[in-house]
Amino acid sequence: MAARTPEVVLDGLVFPEGPRWHDERLVFSDMHDYRVLALDPASGAAETLFELDTQPSGLGWLPDGRMLVVSMVDRRVMRVENGALVEHANLFDLAPWWCNDMVVDGHGRAFVGNFGFDMYGNGHPRKTNVVRVDPDGTAVSAAEDLGFPNGMVVTPDGNTLIVGESFGGALVAFRIADDGSLHDRRVFAQLDGAVPDGICLDAEGAVWIACPLSNRCLRVADGGKVLDEIAIGRGTFACMLGGTDRSTLFICTAEAHDPASARAVPAGRIEAVTVDVPGAGYP
């Protein structure tokens, strides 16, 4: 675990989240600025792909290339059609509170987490669910009794969903059946003092975890062994393996996560560091 210092590749953001490597660019949500952007790491140039009326979060793509984006506050999954956002699925009756991160598997099924309670309005934490949205927009509750399901990944074979429980201090895994239903829940990793936010998967089956309270990224094996650690020094909210060989760990950082504080001083950044094992699976 040699010490490495991430390099800032983009700054001046409000609150970057949900990074995805797609078409040789890093696509991410600037959540509290209501934008989805794409960064070309080679040039350092970023462009706004579109703006939303509410906060965007999780991102993904259907097998035919159409993009999906979570619209948090109104609890919808939006779809990009001919450059415009249209409703793909309405989760208002399924998600108890704001929707959040999302992973889309190779069949176009989107798994979407939610807060479960009014985090910014002094609500009381409670268990909540993950909703599955099928490619035709049909939505069902896929898993219950989760403590703030946050970052999610699907293994390359499409058979396993791994979910970070922010308020459970753990990663949990489910077997994905042929119909997309989730079964055989188990603990992938119980984390000692770490709160998992955004996550990504590598080619050895280990998971990189962004830990916002301890300002670091952890690489964790199935079973919970910590294989690597990168100290960031500021709030660390999401990560994604990308780059030409998928061995660059892109990290979303910020000084504050609540909307008002983040907007008052736009200090969000995309930082990057080279790691040994490339990314794999979904996203």
C-alpha atoms as a PDB file:
ATOM      1  CA  MET A   1       0.000   0.000   0.000  1.00  0.00           C
ATOM      2  CA  ALA A   2       2.440   2.644  -1.162  1.00  0.00           C
ATOM      3  CA  ALA A   3       1.313   6.196  -0.464  1.00  0.00           C
ATOM      4  CA  ARG A   4      -0.062   7.931  -3.539  1.00  0.00           C
ATOM      5  CA  THR A   5      -1.403  11.429  -3.955  1.00  0.00           C
ATOM      6  CA  PRO A   6      -4.282  11.824  -6.394  1.00  0.00           C
ATOM      7  CA  GLU A   7      -3.982  14.527  -9.057  1.00  0.00           C
ATOM      8  CA  VAL A   8      -6.756  17.084  -9.506  1.00  0.00           C
ATOM      9  CA  VAL A   9      -8.032  16.790 -13.088  1.00  0.00           C
ATOM     10  CA  LEU A  10     -11.092  19.064 -12.795  1.00  0.00           C
ATOM     11  CA  ASP A  11     -12.173  21.543 -10.125  1.00  0.00           C
ATOM     12  CA  GLY A  12     -14.745  24.305  -9.610  1.00  0.00           C
ATOM     13  CA  LEU A  13     -17.606  21.813  -9.390  1.00  0.00           C
ATOM     14  CA  VAL A  14     -20.402  21.998  -6.841  1.00  0.00           C
ATOM     15  CA  PHE A  15     -20.819  18.330  -5.853  1.00  0.00           C
ATOM     16  CA  PRO A  16     -19.660  15.649  -8.319  1.00  0.00           C
ATOM     17  CA  GLU A  17     -21.240  12.211  -7.978  1.00  0.00           C
ATOM     18  CA  GLY A  18     -22.063   9.046  -9.912  1.00  0.00           C
ATOM     19  CA  PRO A  19     -18.944   8.860 -12.148  1.00  0.00           C
ATOM     20  CA  ARG A  20     -19.076   6.431 -15.089  1.00  0.00           C
ATOM     21  CA  TRP A  21     -16.476   5.609 -17.741  1.00  0.00           C
ATOM     22  CA  HIS A  22     -18.234   5.663 -21.125  1.00  0.00           C
ATOM     23  CA  ASP A  23     -16.976   6.207 -24.686  1.00  0.00           C
ATOM     24  CA  GLU A  24     -13.499   7.156 -23.443  1.00  0.00           C
ATOM     25  CA  ARG A  25     -14.836   9.913 -21.200  1.00  0.00           C
ATOM     26  CA  LEU A  26     -15.745  10.245 -17.547  1.00  0.00           C
ATOM     27  CA  VAL A  27     -19.444  11.057 -17.339  1.00  0.00           C
ATOM     28  CA  PHE A  28     -20.735  12.261 -13.964  1.00  0.00           C
ATOM     29  CA  SER A  29     -23.458  14.232 -12.206  1.00  0.00           C
ATOM     30  CA  ASP A  30     -22.741  17.578 -10.612  1.00  0.00           C
ATOM     31  CA  MET A  31     -25.569  16.808  -8.247  1.00  0.00           C
ATOM     32  CA  HIS A  32     -26.164  20.127  -6.521  1.00  0.00           C
ATOM     33  CA  ASP A  33     -25.641  22.090  -9.753  1.00  0.00           C
ATOM     34  CA  TYR A  34     -28.345  20.054 -11.559  1.00  0.00           C
ATOM     35  CA  ARG A  35     -26.030  19.080 -14.437  1.00  0.00           C
ATOM     36  CA  VAL A  36     -24.589  15.970 -16.064  1.00  0.00           C
ATOM     37  CA  LEU A  37     -21.126  16.484 -17.542  1.00  0.00           C
ATOM     38  CA  ALA A  38     -18.527  14.572 -19.537  1.00  0.00           C
ATOM     39  CA  LEU A  39     -14.795  14.997 -18.944  1.00  0.00           C
ATOM     40  CA  ASP A  40     -12.110  14.207 -21.515  1.00  0.00           C
ATOM     41  CA  PRO A  41      -9.155  13.331 -19.272  1.00  0.00           C
ATOM     42  CA  ALA A  42      -6.660  13.747 -22.104  1.00  0.00           C
ATOM     43  CA  SER A  43      -7.499  17.412 -22.670  1.00  0.00           C
ATOM     44  CA  GLY A  44      -9.007  18.242 -19.279  1.00  0.00           C
ATOM     45  CA  ALA A  45     -12.037  19.703 -21.074  1.00  0.00           C
ATOM     46  CA  ALA A  46     -15.509  19.126 -19.640  1.00  0.00           C
ATOM     47  CA  GLU A  47     -18.841  19.761 -21.317  1.00  0.00           C
ATOM     48  CA  THR A  48     -22.353  19.901 -19.925  1.00  0.00           C
ATOM     49  CA  LEU A  49     -24.423  17.171 -21.570  1.00  0.00           C
ATOM     50  CA  PHE A  50     -27.724  18.391 -20.154  1.00  0.00           C
ATOM     51  CA  GLU A  51     -29.350  20.085 -17.178  1.00  0.00           C
ATOM     52  CA  LEU A  52     -32.175  18.843 -14.967  1.00  0.00           C
ATOM     53  CA  ASP A  53     -34.835  20.614 -12.936  1.00  0.00           C
ATOM     54  CA  THR A  54     -33.855  18.581  -9.866  1.00  0.00           C
ATOM     55  CA  GLN A  55     -30.706  16.890  -8.618  1.00  0.00           C
ATOM     56  CA  PRO A  56     -29.241  14.167 -10.859  1.00  0.00           C
ATOM     57  CA  SER A  57     -27.380  11.206  -9.412  1.00  0.00           C
ATOM     58  CA  GLY A  58     -26.879   7.675 -10.770  1.00  0.00           C
ATOM     59  CA  LEU A  59     -26.099   7.215 -14.472  1.00  0.00           C
ATOM     60  CA  GLY A  60     -26.150   4.274 -16.863  1.00  0.00           C
ATOM     61  CA  TRP A  61     -26.842   3.141 -20.413  1.00  0.00           C
ATOM     62  CA  LEU A  62     -29.293   0.740 -22.008  1.00  0.00           C
ATOM     63  CA  PRO A  63     -27.810  -1.906 -24.342  1.00  0.00           C
ATOM     64  CA  ASP A  64     -28.793   0.208 -27.362  1.00  0.00           C
ATOM     65  CA  GLY A  65     -26.772   3.156 -26.032  1.00  0.00           C
ATOM     66  CA  ARG A  66     -29.558   5.355 -24.673  1.00  0.00           C
ATOM     67  CA  MET A  67     -28.550   7.016 -21.416  1.00  0.00           C
ATOM     68  CA  LEU A  68     -30.438   6.774 -18.125  1.00  0.00           C
ATOM     69  CA  VAL A  69     -30.124   9.262 -15.269  1.00  0.00           C
ATOM     70  CA  VAL A  70     -31.677   9.316 -11.810  1.00  0.00           C
ATOM     71  CA  SER A  71     -33.680  12.436 -11.018  1.00  0.00           C
ATOM     72  CA  MET A  72     -33.477  12.351  -7.255  1.00  0.00           C
ATOM     73  CA  VAL A  73     -36.123  14.585  -5.711  1.00  0.00           C
ATOM     74  CA  ASP A  74     -39.047  13.589  -7.945  1.00  0.00           C
ATOM     75  CA  ARG A  75     -37.911   9.953  -7.744  1.00  0.00           C
ATOM     76  CA  ARG A  76     -37.770   9.242 -11.451  1.00  0.00           C
ATOM     77  CA  VAL A  77     -35.388   7.557 -13.860  1.00  0.00           C
ATOM     78  CA  MET A  78     -35.050   9.665 -16.989  1.00  0.00           C
ATOM     79  CA  ARG A  79     -34.006   8.491 -20.455  1.00  0.00           C
ATOM     80  CA  VAL A  80     -32.230  10.503 -23.128  1.00  0.00           C
ATOM     81  CA  GLU A  81     -34.158  10.368 -26.419  1.00  0.00           C
ATOM     82  CA  ASN A  82     -32.848  12.402 -29.347  1.00  0.00           C
ATOM     83  CA  GLY A  83     -31.012  14.715 -26.962  1.00  0.00           C
ATOM     84  CA  ALA A  84     -34.016  15.300 -24.690  1.00  0.00           C
ATOM     85  CA  LEU A  85     -34.855  13.821 -21.286  1.00  0.00           C
ATOM     86  CA  VAL A  86     -38.060  11.788 -21.054  1.00  0.00           C
ATOM     87  CA  GLU A  87     -39.442   9.731 -18.190  1.00  0.00           C
ATOM     88  CA  HIS A  88     -38.253   6.120 -18.233  1.00  0.00           C
ATOM     89  CA  ALA A  89     -39.782   5.111 -14.888  1.00  0.00           C
ATOM     90  CA  ASN A  90     -41.570   6.801 -11.993  1.00  0.00           C
ATOM     91  CA  LEU A  91     -40.478   5.374  -8.632  1.00  0.00           C
ATOM     92  CA  PHE A  92     -42.456   7.720  -6.395  1.00  0.00           C
ATOM     93  CA  ASP A  93     -44.709   4.951  -5.026  1.00  0.00           C
ATOM     94  CA  LEU A  94     -41.801   2.532  -4.519  1.00  0.00           C
ATOM     95  CA  ALA A  95     -38.956   4.640  -3.087  1.00  0.00           C
ATOM     96  CA  PRO A  96     -39.747   6.091   0.376  1.00  0.00           C
ATOM     97  CA  TRP A  97     -37.526   9.152  -0.198  1.00  0.00           C
ATOM     98  CA  TRP A  98     -35.144  10.666  -2.722  1.00  0.00           C
ATOM     99  CA  CYS A  99     -33.596   8.259  -5.197  1.00  0.00           C
ATOM    100  CA  ASN A 100     -29.818   8.153  -5.413  1.00  0.00           C
ATOM    101  CA  ASP A 101     -27.255   5.888  -7.079  1.00  0.00           C
ATOM    102  CA  MET A 102     -27.954   3.382  -9.852  1.00  0.00           C
ATOM    103  CA  VAL A 103     -26.286   0.608 -11.815  1.00  0.00           C
ATOM    104  CA  VAL A 104     -27.541  -0.669 -15.180  1.00  0.00           C
ATOM    105  CA  ASP A 105     -26.666  -4.253 -16.086  1.00  0.00           C
ATOM    106  CA  GLY A 106     -26.015  -5.793 -19.477  1.00  0.00           C
ATOM    107  CA  HIS A 107     -29.718  -6.540 -19.974  1.00  0.00           C
ATOM    108  CA  GLY A 108     -30.683  -2.906 -19.415  1.00  0.00           C
ATOM    109  CA  ARG A 109     -32.106  -3.504 -15.953  1.00  0.00           C
ATOM    110  CA  ALA A 110     -31.503  -0.556 -13.646  1.00  0.00           C
ATOM    111  CA  PHE A 111     -31.097  -1.075  -9.902  1.00  0.00           C
ATOM    112  CA  VAL A 112     -31.809   2.165  -8.013  1.00  0.00           C
ATOM    113  CA  GLY A 113     -31.217   2.986  -4.341  1.00  0.00           C
ATOM    114  CA  ASN A 114     -32.802   5.715  -2.222  1.00  0.00           C
ATOM    115  CA  PHE A 115     -32.235   7.612   1.015  1.00  0.00           C
ATOM    116  CA  GLY A 116     -35.203   6.069   2.828  1.00  0.00           C
ATOM    117  CA  PHE A 117     -35.746   9.226   4.900  1.00  0.00           C
ATOM    118  CA  ASP A 118     -35.439  13.017   4.766  1.00  0.00           C
ATOM    119  CA  MET A 119     -31.700  13.264   5.412  1.00  0.00           C
ATOM    120  CA  TYR A 120     -31.520  17.030   4.895  1.00  0.00           C
ATOM    121  CA  GLY A 121     -34.682  17.760   6.900  1.00  0.00           C
ATOM    122  CA  ASN A 122     -33.828  16.134  10.245  1.00  0.00           C
ATOM    123  CA  GLY A 123     -35.577  12.874   9.375  1.00  0.00           C
ATOM    124  CA  HIS A 124     -34.841   9.667  11.249  1.00  0.00           C
ATOM    125  CA  PRO A 125     -32.846   6.949   9.454  1.00  0.00           C
ATOM    126  CA  ARG A 126     -34.807   3.857   8.538  1.00  0.00           C
ATOM    127  CA  LYS A 127     -34.301   0.807   6.387  1.00  0.00           C
ATOM    128  CA  THR A 128     -35.318   1.081   2.746  1.00  0.00           C
ATOM    129  CA  ASN A 129     -35.183  -0.746  -0.562  1.00  0.00           C
ATOM    130  CA  VAL A 130     -33.546  -1.106  -3.953  1.00  0.00           C
ATOM    131  CA  VAL A 131     -35.909  -0.750  -6.909  1.00  0.00           C
ATOM    132  CA  ARG A 132     -35.393  -2.621 -10.175  1.00  0.00           C
ATOM    133  CA  VAL A 133     -36.436  -0.904 -13.390  1.00  0.00           C
ATOM    134  CA  ASP A 134     -36.738  -3.209 -16.391  1.00  0.00           C
ATOM    135  CA  PRO A 135     -35.840  -1.981 -19.900  1.00  0.00           C
ATOM    136  CA  ASP A 136     -39.500  -1.223 -20.682  1.00  0.00           C
ATOM    137  CA  GLY A 137     -39.752   1.047 -17.613  1.00  0.00           C
ATOM    138  CA  THR A 138     -41.620  -1.410 -15.388  1.00  0.00           C
ATOM    139  CA  ALA A 139     -40.459  -0.961 -11.780  1.00  0.00           C
ATOM    140  CA  VAL A 140     -40.634  -3.255  -8.743  1.00  0.00           C
ATOM    141  CA  SER A 141     -39.046  -3.332  -5.309  1.00  0.00           C
ATOM    142  CA  ALA A 142     -36.161  -5.781  -5.661  1.00  0.00           C
ATOM    143  CA  ALA A 143     -34.624  -5.865  -2.160  1.00  0.00           C
ATOM    144  CA  GLU A 144     -35.782  -4.600   1.231  1.00  0.00           C
ATOM    145  CA  ASP A 145     -34.324  -3.880   4.669  1.00  0.00           C
ATOM    146  CA  LEU A 146     -31.221  -1.992   3.536  1.00  0.00           C
ATOM    147  CA  GLY A 147     -29.550   0.815   5.474  1.00  0.00           C
ATOM    148  CA  PHE A 148     -29.230   3.621   2.897  1.00  0.00           C
ATOM    149  CA  PRO A 149     -28.365   1.560  -0.229  1.00  0.00           C
ATOM    150  CA  ASN A 150     -25.842   3.667  -2.095  1.00  0.00           C
ATOM    151  CA  GLY A 151     -23.165   2.679  -4.633  1.00  0.00           C
ATOM    152  CA  MET A 152     -23.848  -0.501  -6.623  1.00  0.00           C
ATOM    153  CA  VAL A 153     -21.977  -2.715  -9.091  1.00  0.00           C
ATOM    154  CA  VAL A 154     -22.816  -5.791 -11.156  1.00  0.00           C
ATOM    155  CA  THR A 155     -20.151  -8.429 -11.824  1.00  0.00           C
ATOM    156  CA  PRO A 156     -18.996  -9.005 -15.439  1.00  0.00           C
ATOM    157  CA  ASP A 157     -21.008 -12.245 -15.738  1.00  0.00           C
ATOM    158  CA  GLY A 158     -24.150 -10.338 -14.765  1.00  0.00           C
ATOM    159  CA  ASN A 159     -24.910 -12.774 -11.950  1.00  0.00           C
ATOM    160  CA  THR A 160     -24.164 -10.712  -8.818  1.00  0.00           C
ATOM    161  CA  LEU A 161     -25.261  -7.297  -7.569  1.00  0.00           C
ATOM    162  CA  ILE A 162     -23.125  -5.716  -4.822  1.00  0.00           C
ATOM    163  CA  VAL A 163     -24.663  -2.854  -2.836  1.00  0.00           C
ATOM    164  CA  GLY A 164     -22.968  -0.470  -0.430  1.00  0.00           C
ATOM    165  CA  GLU A 165     -25.055   0.107   2.708  1.00  0.00           C
ATOM    166  CA  SER A 166     -23.936   3.518   3.955  1.00  0.00           C
ATOM    167  CA  PHE A 167     -25.754   3.158   7.269  1.00  0.00           C
ATOM    168  CA  GLY A 168     -24.915  -0.531   7.578  1.00  0.00           C
ATOM    169  CA  GLY A 169     -21.172  -0.113   7.188  1.00  0.00           C
ATOM    170  CA  ALA A 170     -21.122  -3.026   4.779  1.00  0.00           C
ATOM    171  CA  LEU A 171     -21.222  -4.277   1.224  1.00  0.00           C
ATOM    172  CA  VAL A 172     -23.940  -6.862   0.606  1.00  0.00           C
ATOM    173  CA  ALA A 173     -24.238  -9.149  -2.424  1.00  0.00           C
ATOM    174  CA  PHE A 174     -27.255 -10.699  -4.150  1.00  0.00           C
ATOM    175  CA  ARG A 175     -27.553 -13.355  -6.829  1.00  0.00           C
ATOM    176  CA  ILE A 176     -29.370 -11.960  -9.873  1.00  0.00           C
ATOM    177  CA  ALA A 177     -31.801 -14.491 -11.320  1.00  0.00           C
ATOM    178  CA  ASP A 178     -32.586 -14.703 -15.028  1.00  0.00           C
ATOM    179  CA  ASP A 179     -35.699 -12.567 -14.505  1.00  0.00           C
ATOM    180  CA  GLY A 180     -33.707  -9.875 -12.633  1.00  0.00           C
ATOM    181  CA  SER A 181     -35.013 -10.785  -9.186  1.00  0.00           C
ATOM    182  CA  LEU A 182     -32.507 -10.753  -6.314  1.00  0.00           C
ATOM    183  CA  HIS A 183     -31.771 -13.776  -4.103  1.00  0.00           C
ATOM    184  CA  ASP A 184     -29.324 -15.264  -1.574  1.00  0.00           C
ATOM    185  CA  ARG A 185     -28.368 -12.063   0.195  1.00  0.00           C
ATOM    186  CA  ARG A 186     -25.000 -12.271   1.952  1.00  0.00           C
ATOM    187  CA  VAL A 187     -22.393  -9.929   3.426  1.00  0.00           C
ATOM    188  CA  PHE A 188     -19.634  -9.288   0.883  1.00  0.00           C
ATOM    189  CA  ALA A 189     -17.615  -7.163   3.319  1.00  0.00           C
ATOM    190  CA  GLN A 190     -18.288  -5.851   6.806  1.00  0.00           C
ATOM    191  CA  LEU A 191     -16.353  -2.598   7.010  1.00  0.00           C
ATOM    192  CA  ASP A 192     -14.577  -1.468  10.159  1.00  0.00           C
ATOM    193  CA  GLY A 193     -15.292   2.233  10.634  1.00  0.00           C
ATOM    194  CA  ALA A 194     -15.959   2.902   6.945  1.00  0.00           C
ATOM    195  CA  VAL A 195     -19.130   4.348   5.446  1.00  0.00           C
ATOM    196  CA  PRO A 196     -19.466   3.198   1.812  1.00  0.00           C
ATOM    197  CA  ASP A 197     -20.708   5.748  -0.712  1.00  0.00           C
ATOM    198  CA  GLY A 198     -19.965   5.301  -4.437  1.00  0.00           C
ATOM    199  CA  ILE A 199     -18.213   2.062  -5.432  1.00  0.00           C
ATOM    200  CA  CYS A 200     -16.654   0.375  -8.467  1.00  0.00           C
ATOM    201  CA  LEU A 201     -15.411  -3.120  -9.270  1.00  0.00           C
ATOM    202  CA  ASP A 202     -12.055  -4.331 -10.578  1.00  0.00           C
ATOM    203  CA  ALA A 203     -10.957  -7.325 -12.644  1.00  0.00           C
ATOM    204  CA  GLU A 204      -9.927  -9.329  -9.555  1.00  0.00           C
ATOM    205  CA  GLY A 205     -13.397  -9.021  -8.040  1.00  0.00           C
ATOM    206  CA  ALA A 206     -12.373  -6.448  -5.435  1.00  0.00           C
ATOM    207  CA  VAL A 207     -14.440  -3.322  -4.801  1.00  0.00           C
ATOM    208  CA  TRP A 208     -13.125   0.222  -4.499  1.00  0.00           C
ATOM    209  CA  ILE A 209     -15.163   2.191  -1.962  1.00  0.00           C
ATOM    210  CA  ALA A 210     -15.348   5.957  -1.545  1.00  0.00           C
ATOM    211  CA  CYS A 211     -15.521   6.721   2.194  1.00  0.00           C
ATOM    212  CA  PRO A 212     -16.834  10.265   2.771  1.00  0.00           C
ATOM    213  CA  LEU A 213     -16.364  10.478   6.540  1.00  0.00           C
ATOM    214  CA  SER A 214     -12.805   9.146   6.653  1.00  0.00           C
ATOM    215  CA  ASN A 215     -11.652  10.929   3.455  1.00  0.00           C
ATOM    216  CA  ARG A 216     -10.237   7.883   1.685  1.00  0.00           C
ATOM    217  CA  CYS A 217     -10.814   5.165  -0.883  1.00  0.00           C
ATOM    218  CA  LEU A 218     -10.532   1.523   0.171  1.00  0.00           C
ATOM    219  CA  ARG A 219     -10.058  -1.543  -2.027  1.00  0.00           C
ATOM    220  CA  VAL A 220     -11.822  -4.453  -0.367  1.00  0.00           C
ATOM    221  CA  ALA A 221     -11.912  -8.160  -1.240  1.00  0.00           C
ATOM    222  CA  ASP A 222     -14.882 -10.492  -0.945  1.00  0.00           C
ATOM    223  CA  GLY A 223     -14.795 -11.391   2.748  1.00  0.00           C
ATOM    224  CA  GLY A 224     -13.767  -7.936   3.916  1.00  0.00           C
ATOM    225  CA  LYS A 225      -9.976  -7.851   3.706  1.00  0.00           C
ATOM    226  CA  VAL A 226      -8.671  -4.362   2.910  1.00  0.00           C
ATOM    227  CA  LEU A 227      -6.239  -4.722   0.009  1.00  0.00           C
ATOM    228  CA  ASP A 228      -5.369  -1.081  -0.616  1.00  0.00           C
ATOM    229  CA  GLU A 229      -6.070   2.394   0.717  1.00  0.00           C
ATOM    230  CA  ILE A 230      -5.683   5.857  -0.781  1.00  0.00           C
ATOM    231  CA  ALA A 231      -5.891   8.865   1.531  1.00  0.00           C
ATOM    232  CA  ILE A 232      -7.651  11.842  -0.066  1.00  0.00           C
ATOM    233  CA  GLY A 233      -7.717  14.502   2.646  1.00  0.00           C
ATOM    234  CA  ARG A 234     -11.235  15.780   1.898  1.00  0.00           C
ATOM    235  CA  GLY A 235     -14.748  14.419   1.528  1.00  0.00           C
ATOM    236  CA  THR A 236     -14.622  11.403  -0.814  1.00  0.00           C
ATOM    237  CA  PHE A 237     -18.015  10.518  -2.291  1.00  0.00           C
ATOM    238  CA  ALA A 238     -17.638   8.286  -5.355  1.00  0.00           C
ATOM    239  CA  CYS A 239     -15.046   6.549  -7.513  1.00  0.00           C
ATOM    240  CA  MET A 240     -14.785   4.931 -10.931  1.00  0.00           C
ATOM    241  CA  LEU A 241     -12.094   2.969 -12.763  1.00  0.00           C
ATOM    242  CA  GLY A 242     -11.496   4.360 -16.240  1.00  0.00           C
ATOM    243  CA  GLY A 243      -8.854   5.575 -18.643  1.00  0.00           C
ATOM    244  CA  THR A 244      -7.595   3.800 -21.752  1.00  0.00           C
ATOM    245  CA  ASP A 245      -6.708   0.658 -19.784  1.00  0.00           C
ATOM    246  CA  ARG A 246      -9.277   1.260 -16.995  1.00  0.00           C
ATOM    247  CA  SER A 247      -6.475   1.520 -14.445  1.00  0.00           C
ATOM    248  CA  THR A 248      -7.135   5.138 -13.473  1.00  0.00           C
ATOM    249  CA  LEU A 249      -9.227   5.555 -10.352  1.00  0.00           C
ATOM    250  CA  PHE A 250     -11.289   8.736 -10.764  1.00  0.00           C
ATOM    251  CA  ILE A 251     -12.486  10.105  -7.423  1.00  0.00           C
ATOM    252  CA  CYS A 252     -15.284  12.612  -6.742  1.00  0.00           C
ATOM    253  CA  THR A 253     -14.414  14.878  -3.810  1.00  0.00           C
ATOM    254  CA  ALA A 254     -15.970  17.912  -2.130  1.00  0.00           C
ATOM    255  CA  GLU A 255     -15.733  19.932   1.063  1.00  0.00           C
ATOM    256  CA  ALA A 256     -19.450  19.634   1.912  1.00  0.00           C
ATOM    257  CA  HIS A 257     -22.296  17.347   0.873  1.00  0.00           C
ATOM    258  CA  ASP A 258     -25.375  19.327   1.899  1.00  0.00           C
ATOM    259  CA  PRO A 259     -26.800  21.369  -0.997  1.00  0.00           C
ATOM    260  CA  ALA A 260     -26.624  24.849   0.547  1.00  0.00           C
ATOM    261  CA  SER A 261     -23.020  24.594   1.720  1.00  0.00           C
ATOM    262  CA  ALA A 262     -21.836  22.989  -1.509  1.00  0.00           C
ATOM    263  CA  ARG A 263     -23.451  25.687  -3.660  1.00  0.00           C
ATOM    264  CA  ALA A 264     -22.121  28.500  -1.473  1.00  0.00           C
ATOM    265  CA  VAL A 265     -18.498  27.505  -2.148  1.00  0.00           C
ATOM    266  CA  PRO A 266     -18.129  25.307  -5.279  1.00  0.00           C
ATOM    267  CA  ALA A 267     -15.138  23.237  -4.157  1.00  0.00           C
ATOM    268  CA  GLY A 268     -15.973  19.936  -5.858  1.00  0.00           C
ATOM    269  CA  ARG A 269     -13.230  18.141  -7.764  1.00  0.00           C
ATOM    270  CA  ILE A 270     -12.496  15.140  -9.917  1.00  0.00           C
ATOM    271  CA  GLU A 271      -9.193  13.643  -8.777  1.00  0.00           C
ATOM    272  CA  ALA A 272      -7.314  10.709 -10.298  1.00  0.00           C
ATOM    273  CA  VAL A 273      -4.681   8.160  -9.353  1.00  0.00           C
ATOM    274  CA  THR A 274      -3.236   5.130 -11.135  1.00  0.00           C
ATOM    275  CA  VAL A 275      -3.920   1.710  -9.582  1.00  0.00           C
ATOM    276  CA  ASP A 276      -2.656  -1.793 -10.338  1.00  0.00           C
ATOM    277  CA  VAL A 277      -5.835  -3.676 -11.314  1.00  0.00           C
ATOM    278  CA  PRO A 278      -8.164  -2.421 -14.083  1.00  0.00           C
ATOM    279  CA  GLY A 279     -11.902  -1.981 -13.792  1.00  0.00           C
ATOM    280  CA  ALA A 280     -14.487  -4.600 -14.759  1.00  0.00           C
ATOM    281  CA  GLY A 281     -18.223  -5.223 -14.742  1.00  0.00           C
ATOM    282  CA  TYR A 282     -20.997  -2.626 -14.546  1.00  0.00           C
ATOM    283  CA  PRO A 283     -20.881   0.328 -14.409  1.00  0.00           C
END
